Protein backbone atom coordinates (compact mmCIF):
# COMPACT_ATOMS: atom_id res chain seq x y z
CA MET A 1 -6.58 4.45 33.79
CA ASN A 2 -3.11 2.99 34.49
CA HIS A 3 -4.61 -0.48 34.90
CA ARG A 4 -6.29 -0.20 31.54
CA ILE A 5 -3.01 0.70 29.80
CA GLY A 6 -1.21 -2.08 31.68
CA ARG A 7 -3.79 -4.64 30.55
CA LEU A 8 -3.53 -3.46 26.95
CA VAL A 9 0.26 -3.66 26.99
CA PHE A 10 0.10 -7.12 28.60
CA ALA A 11 -2.47 -8.39 26.05
CA PHE A 12 -0.44 -6.97 23.16
CA GLY A 13 2.72 -8.60 24.51
CA ILE A 14 1.07 -12.02 24.92
CA GLY A 15 -0.46 -11.74 21.44
CA LEU A 16 2.91 -10.92 19.94
CA ILE A 17 4.55 -13.89 21.69
CA VAL A 18 1.81 -16.26 20.48
CA ALA A 19 2.05 -14.91 16.92
CA VAL A 20 5.83 -15.36 16.80
CA ALA A 21 5.62 -18.88 18.26
CA ALA A 22 2.89 -19.86 15.76
CA PHE A 23 4.93 -18.48 12.86
CA LYS A 24 8.02 -20.44 13.91
CA TRP A 25 5.96 -23.62 14.36
CA ILE A 26 4.30 -23.29 10.94
CA THR A 27 7.52 -22.54 9.07
CA ASN A 28 9.54 -25.31 10.74
CA PRO A 29 10.35 -27.86 7.95
CA ALA A 30 11.52 -30.66 10.28
CA PRO A 31 8.09 -32.28 10.94
CA ARG A 32 7.25 -32.33 7.21
CA LEU A 33 10.63 -33.84 6.33
CA GLU A 34 10.21 -36.50 9.03
CA ARG A 35 6.73 -37.36 7.71
CA GLN A 36 8.07 -37.69 4.15
CA LEU A 37 10.80 -40.01 5.40
CA GLN A 38 8.25 -42.09 7.34
CA GLU A 39 6.03 -42.41 4.25
CA ALA A 40 9.00 -43.54 2.15
CA VAL A 41 9.87 -46.18 4.77
CA VAL A 42 6.27 -47.46 4.83
CA MET A 43 6.15 -47.71 1.04
CA THR A 44 9.39 -49.71 1.11
CA ALA A 45 7.95 -51.91 3.87
CA ARG A 46 4.95 -52.68 1.64
CA GLU A 47 7.29 -53.93 -1.08
CA HIS A 48 9.25 -56.06 1.41
CA LEU A 49 5.99 -57.50 2.80
CA ALA A 50 4.78 -58.59 -0.63
CA THR A 51 8.18 -60.09 -1.47
CA ALA A 52 8.67 -61.90 1.86
CA THR A 53 5.17 -63.39 1.90
CA GLY A 54 5.16 -64.15 -1.82
CA LEU A 55 1.64 -62.74 -2.05
CA ALA A 56 0.56 -60.33 -4.75
CA GLY A 57 -2.43 -57.99 -4.57
CA LEU A 58 -2.50 -57.63 -0.80
CA GLU A 59 -4.88 -55.23 0.87
CA ILE A 60 -2.71 -53.45 3.44
CA VAL A 61 -3.54 -51.29 6.43
CA ASP A 62 -0.46 -49.36 7.55
CA PRO A 63 0.42 -45.84 8.75
CA VAL A 64 -0.02 -44.42 5.24
CA ALA A 65 -3.38 -46.18 4.68
CA ALA A 66 -4.77 -46.29 8.21
CA ASP A 67 -8.09 -47.92 9.10
CA ARG A 68 -8.92 -47.75 12.80
CA LYS A 69 -11.69 -50.33 12.36
CA VAL A 70 -9.02 -52.92 11.53
CA GLY A 71 -6.47 -51.81 14.13
CA LYS A 72 -3.76 -49.30 14.87
CA SER A 73 -0.59 -49.20 12.84
CA TYR A 74 2.70 -47.49 13.56
CA VAL A 75 5.97 -46.39 12.01
CA TYR A 76 8.73 -45.35 14.37
CA ARG A 77 12.47 -45.22 14.67
CA ALA A 78 14.11 -48.17 16.39
CA GLY A 79 17.78 -47.48 16.98
CA GLU A 80 19.38 -46.82 13.60
CA GLY A 81 16.46 -48.37 11.70
CA TRP A 82 12.69 -48.44 11.65
CA GLU A 83 9.76 -50.59 12.71
CA VAL A 84 6.48 -50.66 10.81
CA SER A 85 3.34 -52.42 11.99
CA GLY A 86 0.05 -53.00 10.24
CA TYR A 87 -2.33 -55.59 8.83
CA TYR A 88 -2.81 -57.34 5.51
CA ARG A 89 -5.26 -59.71 3.87
CA ARG A 90 -5.42 -61.45 0.54
CA SER A 91 -9.11 -60.78 -0.24
CA GLU A 92 -12.32 -59.67 1.45
CA GLU A 93 -13.00 -63.27 2.53
CA ASP A 94 -9.64 -63.50 4.31
CA GLN A 95 -9.14 -62.28 7.87
CA TRP A 96 -6.71 -59.49 8.71
CA HIS A 97 -3.21 -60.68 9.56
CA PRO A 98 -1.09 -58.42 11.80
CA PHE A 99 2.56 -57.85 10.98
CA LEU A 100 5.56 -56.13 12.51
CA MET A 101 8.54 -55.42 10.27
CA ALA A 102 12.00 -54.29 11.37
CA LEU A 103 14.09 -52.39 8.85
CA ASP A 104 17.64 -51.11 8.97
CA ALA A 105 18.72 -47.59 7.99
CA SER A 106 18.92 -48.37 4.25
CA PRO A 107 15.84 -49.45 4.70
CA SER A 108 16.20 -53.18 4.10
CA MET A 109 14.07 -55.68 5.96
CA THR A 110 15.87 -57.32 8.88
CA HIS A 111 12.91 -59.18 10.41
CA LEU A 112 9.22 -59.76 9.73
CA ARG A 113 6.74 -61.16 12.23
CA VAL A 114 3.32 -62.17 10.90
CA GLN A 115 0.33 -64.00 12.29
CA ASP A 116 -0.59 -66.09 9.26
CA GLY A 117 -0.49 -69.89 9.51
CA SER A 118 -0.64 -70.33 5.73
CA LEU A 119 2.94 -69.04 5.44
CA ALA A 120 4.52 -71.93 7.37
CA ASP A 121 6.39 -73.29 4.33
CA ARG A 122 7.60 -69.83 3.39
CA ALA A 123 8.84 -69.22 6.96
CA ARG A 124 10.96 -72.39 6.86
CA GLU A 125 12.68 -71.11 3.69
CA ASN A 126 13.18 -67.51 4.85
CA GLU A 127 15.01 -66.90 8.14
CA LEU A 128 13.80 -63.28 8.23
CA LEU A 129 10.15 -64.39 8.40
CA GLU A 130 8.76 -65.39 11.79
CA LEU A 131 5.27 -66.78 12.30
CA LEU A 132 3.37 -65.87 15.43
CA PRO A 133 0.75 -68.18 16.87
């Protein structure tokens, strides 16, 4: 009989601990705020990508619009700023071009690396744009 009561008290205690931990995890606003900040950075990165490449109407795969068939994309803090990676293409006939963008805390673009040979002239004019082979 004592073992039965002990097991019930133990199970109730563990259940209470799990319930309290789950409640704290669900009501914690920090992950949602971080995700909102990441989405804002990615949207800004999209604007910088279009401006730096001089291309309008890009199809973009990034952390907000992920497509695992194309490739993985990331947004993460890098020091005081951010780094965003992804892919873009001009049309369905074009191949996907990977990019990696560094942004400062404001977030303004500080560097853009792309693998797109057709931007050679643009890269000579813009010191923030680097072409990868």
